[in-house]
Protein backbone atom coordinates (compact mmCIF):
# COMPACT_ATOMS: atom_id res chain seq x y z
CA MET A 1 14.80 -20.70 31.11
CA LYS A 2 13.86 -21.90 28.03
CA LEU A 3 11.88 -20.00 26.16
CA LEU A 4 10.15 -20.79 22.91
CA HIS A 5 8.18 -17.77 20.86
CA VAL A 6 5.58 -18.99 18.39
CA VAL A 7 4.71 -16.30 16.22
CA GLY A 8 2.39 -15.40 13.11
CA ALA A 9 -1.14 -14.39 12.81
CA ARG A 10 -2.16 -18.36 12.30
CA PRO A 11 0.41 -20.58 13.34
CA ASN A 12 -0.34 -24.51 12.11
CA PHE A 13 -0.31 -26.30 15.51
CA PRO A 14 -0.63 -29.79 13.96
CA LYS A 15 2.89 -28.94 12.13
CA LEU A 16 4.17 -27.64 15.15
CA ALA A 17 3.74 -30.67 17.09
CA PRO A 18 7.08 -32.56 16.41
CA VAL A 19 8.85 -28.93 17.72
CA LEU A 20 6.86 -29.04 20.87
CA HIS A 21 7.69 -32.28 21.69
CA ALA A 22 11.34 -32.07 20.92
CA GLY A 23 11.40 -28.90 22.64
CA ARG A 24 9.83 -30.71 25.79
CA LYS A 25 12.17 -33.26 25.73
CA ALA A 26 15.31 -30.42 25.15
CA GLY A 27 14.21 -28.94 28.59
CA LEU A 28 11.77 -26.36 27.07
CA GLN A 29 9.86 -24.62 30.35
CA GLN A 30 7.53 -22.36 28.09
CA ILE A 31 6.20 -21.74 25.38
CA VAL A 32 4.46 -18.27 24.86
CA VAL A 33 1.96 -17.89 21.70
CA HIS A 34 1.67 -14.75 20.06
CA THR A 35 -0.98 -15.04 17.21
CA GLY A 36 -3.28 -11.91 16.99
CA GLN A 37 -6.19 -14.35 16.98
CA HIS A 38 -8.78 -15.59 19.29
CA TYR A 39 -6.36 -17.53 21.88
CA ASP A 40 -9.38 -19.41 22.88
CA SER A 41 -10.14 -21.27 19.40
CA LEU A 42 -6.61 -21.87 18.00
CA LEU A 43 -5.46 -22.85 21.82
CA SER A 44 -7.59 -25.52 22.08
CA THR A 45 -7.17 -27.45 25.73
CA SER A 46 -7.91 -31.03 23.74
CA PHE A 47 -4.77 -30.03 20.39
CA PHE A 48 -2.20 -30.18 23.54
CA ASP A 49 -4.22 -33.03 25.71
CA ASP A 50 -4.02 -34.90 21.84
CA LEU A 51 -0.07 -34.35 21.87
CA ASP A 52 0.65 -35.13 25.51
CA ILE A 53 1.98 -32.10 26.47
CA PRO A 54 0.97 -29.22 28.69
CA LEU A 55 -0.95 -26.72 27.78
CA PRO A 56 1.34 -23.66 26.79
CA ASP A 57 1.59 -20.44 28.49
CA TYR A 58 0.87 -17.55 26.51
CA THR A 59 1.22 -13.81 26.77
CA LEU A 60 -1.05 -10.82 25.01
CA GLU A 61 1.86 -8.71 25.00
CA SER A 62 4.44 -8.95 22.22
CA PRO A 63 8.07 -10.35 22.12
CA ARG A 64 10.85 -8.04 22.14
CA CYS A 65 12.85 -6.72 19.17
CA GLU A 66 15.63 -9.49 19.67
CA SER A 67 16.66 -13.21 18.46
CA ALA A 68 14.53 -15.70 19.10
CA ASP A 69 15.86 -18.85 21.32
CA PRO A 70 17.61 -20.92 18.95
CA LEU A 71 15.75 -24.13 19.83
CA LEU A 72 14.84 -25.45 16.57
CA PRO A 73 14.34 -22.40 14.36
CA SER A 74 14.35 -24.07 10.86
CA CYS A 75 11.06 -25.05 12.30
CA LEU A 76 9.51 -22.10 12.81
CA GLY A 77 10.19 -19.53 9.49
CA ASP A 78 8.17 -16.34 11.14
CA LEU A 79 10.65 -16.66 14.13
CA SER A 80 13.07 -14.49 12.02
CA MET A 81 10.76 -11.98 11.08
CA THR A 82 11.90 -9.57 14.04
CA GLN A 83 15.11 -10.41 13.06
CA SER A 84 14.64 -8.70 9.51
CA CYS A 85 12.15 -6.26 11.04
CA LEU A 86 13.69 -2.70 9.42
CA PHE A 87 11.58 -0.72 12.81
CA CYS A 88 13.59 -3.53 15.15
CA ARG A 89 16.47 -2.67 13.78
CA ILE A 90 16.66 1.29 14.25
CA VAL A 91 15.42 0.63 17.70
CA GLU A 92 18.74 -1.82 18.32
CA ARG A 93 20.54 0.93 16.87
CA LYS A 94 21.94 -1.32 14.15
CA ILE A 95 20.11 1.15 11.31
CA PRO A 96 20.59 4.82 11.79
CA ALA A 97 17.74 6.80 12.41
CA SER A 98 16.98 10.57 12.83
CA VAL A 99 15.53 10.37 15.95
CA VAL A 100 13.51 13.07 17.73
CA PHE A 101 11.80 11.37 20.54
CA GLU A 102 12.94 8.51 23.05
CA ASP A 103 11.79 6.96 26.18
CA GLU A 104 11.38 3.40 27.78
CA HIS A 105 8.80 2.30 25.88
CA THR A 106 8.77 4.56 22.70
CA LEU A 107 10.96 5.27 19.66
CA ALA A 108 10.25 8.56 17.21
CA PHE A 109 12.24 9.24 13.92
CA ARG A 110 11.72 11.13 11.11
CA ASP A 111 10.49 9.56 7.82
CA ILE A 112 12.83 9.28 5.21
CA ASP A 113 9.81 9.72 2.53
CA PRO A 114 8.00 12.50 4.09
CA LYS A 115 4.86 13.50 3.02
CA ALA A 116 4.19 16.46 5.30
CA PRO A 117 7.26 19.22 6.06
CA THR A 118 6.59 17.16 9.44
CA HIS A 119 6.60 13.52 8.87
CA VAL A 120 7.58 11.42 12.17
CA LEU A 121 7.26 7.71 13.23
CA VAL A 122 6.13 6.71 16.32
CA ILE A 123 6.89 3.00 17.46
CA PRO A 124 6.86 0.68 20.47
CA LYS A 125 10.31 -0.41 21.34
CA LEU A 126 8.82 -4.05 21.41
CA HIS A 127 7.78 -5.80 18.36
CA VAL A 128 3.88 -5.93 17.26
CA ALA A 129 3.27 -6.72 13.27
CA THR A 130 -0.19 -4.55 12.52
CA LEU A 131 -2.85 -2.90 14.87
CA ASN A 132 -4.68 -6.15 14.38
CA GLU A 133 -2.30 -8.22 16.59
CA ALA A 134 -1.79 -5.50 19.32
CA MET A 135 -3.29 -6.87 22.71
CA ASP A 136 -1.65 -3.75 24.96
CA ALA A 137 -3.59 -0.70 25.18
CA THR A 138 -1.33 1.12 27.20
CA LEU A 139 1.59 0.41 24.54
CA LEU A 140 -0.54 2.11 22.15
CA GLY A 141 -1.43 4.24 23.80
CA ARG A 142 2.22 5.39 24.40
CA LEU A 143 2.08 6.22 21.03
CA PHE A 144 -0.19 9.02 20.69
CA LEU A 145 1.41 10.44 24.03
CA ALA A 146 4.34 10.63 22.32
CA ALA A 147 2.41 12.26 19.31
CA LYS A 148 1.36 14.85 21.20
CA VAL A 149 4.60 15.12 22.92
CA ILE A 150 6.53 15.80 19.31
CA ALA A 151 4.01 17.76 17.91
CA ALA A 152 4.43 20.32 20.41
CA ALA A 153 7.90 20.44 19.95
CA GLU A 154 8.01 20.52 16.33
CA GLY A 155 5.29 23.81 16.58
CA ILE A 156 2.42 21.93 15.12
CA ALA A 157 0.39 21.38 18.04
CA GLU A 158 -2.20 23.77 16.74
CA GLY A 159 -3.03 21.40 13.78
CA TYR A 160 -1.34 17.51 12.94
CA ARG A 161 -2.88 14.20 11.77
CA THR A 162 -1.49 10.94 13.39
CA VAL A 163 -2.49 7.96 11.17
CA VAL A 164 -2.24 4.15 11.24
CA ASN A 165 -1.92 2.22 8.39
CA CYS A 166 -2.94 -1.61 9.14
CA GLY A 167 -1.97 -4.33 6.67
CA ALA A 168 -0.93 -4.02 3.01
CA ALA A 169 -3.98 -2.92 1.48
CA ALA A 170 -3.87 0.01 3.71
CA GLY A 171 -0.53 0.85 2.83
CA GLN A 172 1.53 -0.43 5.37
CA THR A 173 5.08 -1.61 4.22
CA VAL A 174 6.75 -2.18 7.46
CA PHE A 175 5.18 -4.61 9.42
CA HIS A 176 6.06 -3.25 12.86
CA VAL A 177 2.91 -1.01 14.34
CA HIS A 178 3.54 2.65 13.67
CA VAL A 179 2.05 5.83 14.12
CA HIS A 180 2.35 8.96 11.11
CA LEU A 181 2.66 12.10 12.56
CA LEU A 182 1.70 14.61 10.21
CA GLY A 183 1.86 18.28 10.21
CA GLY A 184 2.96 21.52 8.55
CA ARG A 185 1.09 22.12 5.69
CA GLU A 186 -2.77 22.13 5.03
CA LEU A 187 -3.79 18.43 5.45
CA GLY A 188 -7.14 17.80 3.37
CA TRP A 189 -10.22 15.34 4.17
CA PRO A 190 -10.81 12.67 3.30
CA PRO A 191 -7.62 11.01 2.90
CA GLY A 192 -6.07 8.61 0.95
C-alpha cells in the first residue's frame, strides 16, 4: 500500500492540494495526517470535497522513526524531520549511546551532558516531537514506568525527579519527546 505521511504542527493544506491530487493519480491509497492540533478544525470535509479527493484517514499515533514514503518528497519538507532527529537515529543505532534500558516501545540512555550523578533520557521508539503533539497516553505512561524501573536499578528510588521540557522556550533542544530522569544529589525546588 502506498502511504503518504503529512507531518507538522500546522500543515498548509492549500499548498498540499497539488501533492494530494498527484498522489491519488500515482496510486496513493491512504493519507495519514499528523498535526498535534485539533483535527476537526484543520481537516474539514469541505476542504477535501473541494479538491474532489476522499477525506484522508488519520491516526492519533505518530509515525515510526523511519524514512517517509519517497512519493513527492520535495513538496513536504517536514517529512525529513524524523530522518534528521537525533533520538530517532539513536533508536536506529545509527548514533551510539550509553543505553541503560530498552524494551519493545522505549529506549533509555545516559545524557551526554548530565545535570546530576544520574541523568538518563527516556524516549519512545516512535517519533513524537513534543508533549503538545502526543496523543497516546500509553506511550507516555510507558516512559514514566521505565523511569521508575531505571531509578531502582540506579539506586535512586528513594528520591529522583522526572522532567519533560515542551518546546524551545522550556529548554527542549531535541524535538523527540523525552523524560529526563535525574537523581543522586539533592534536587532543589523550584526547578529552572
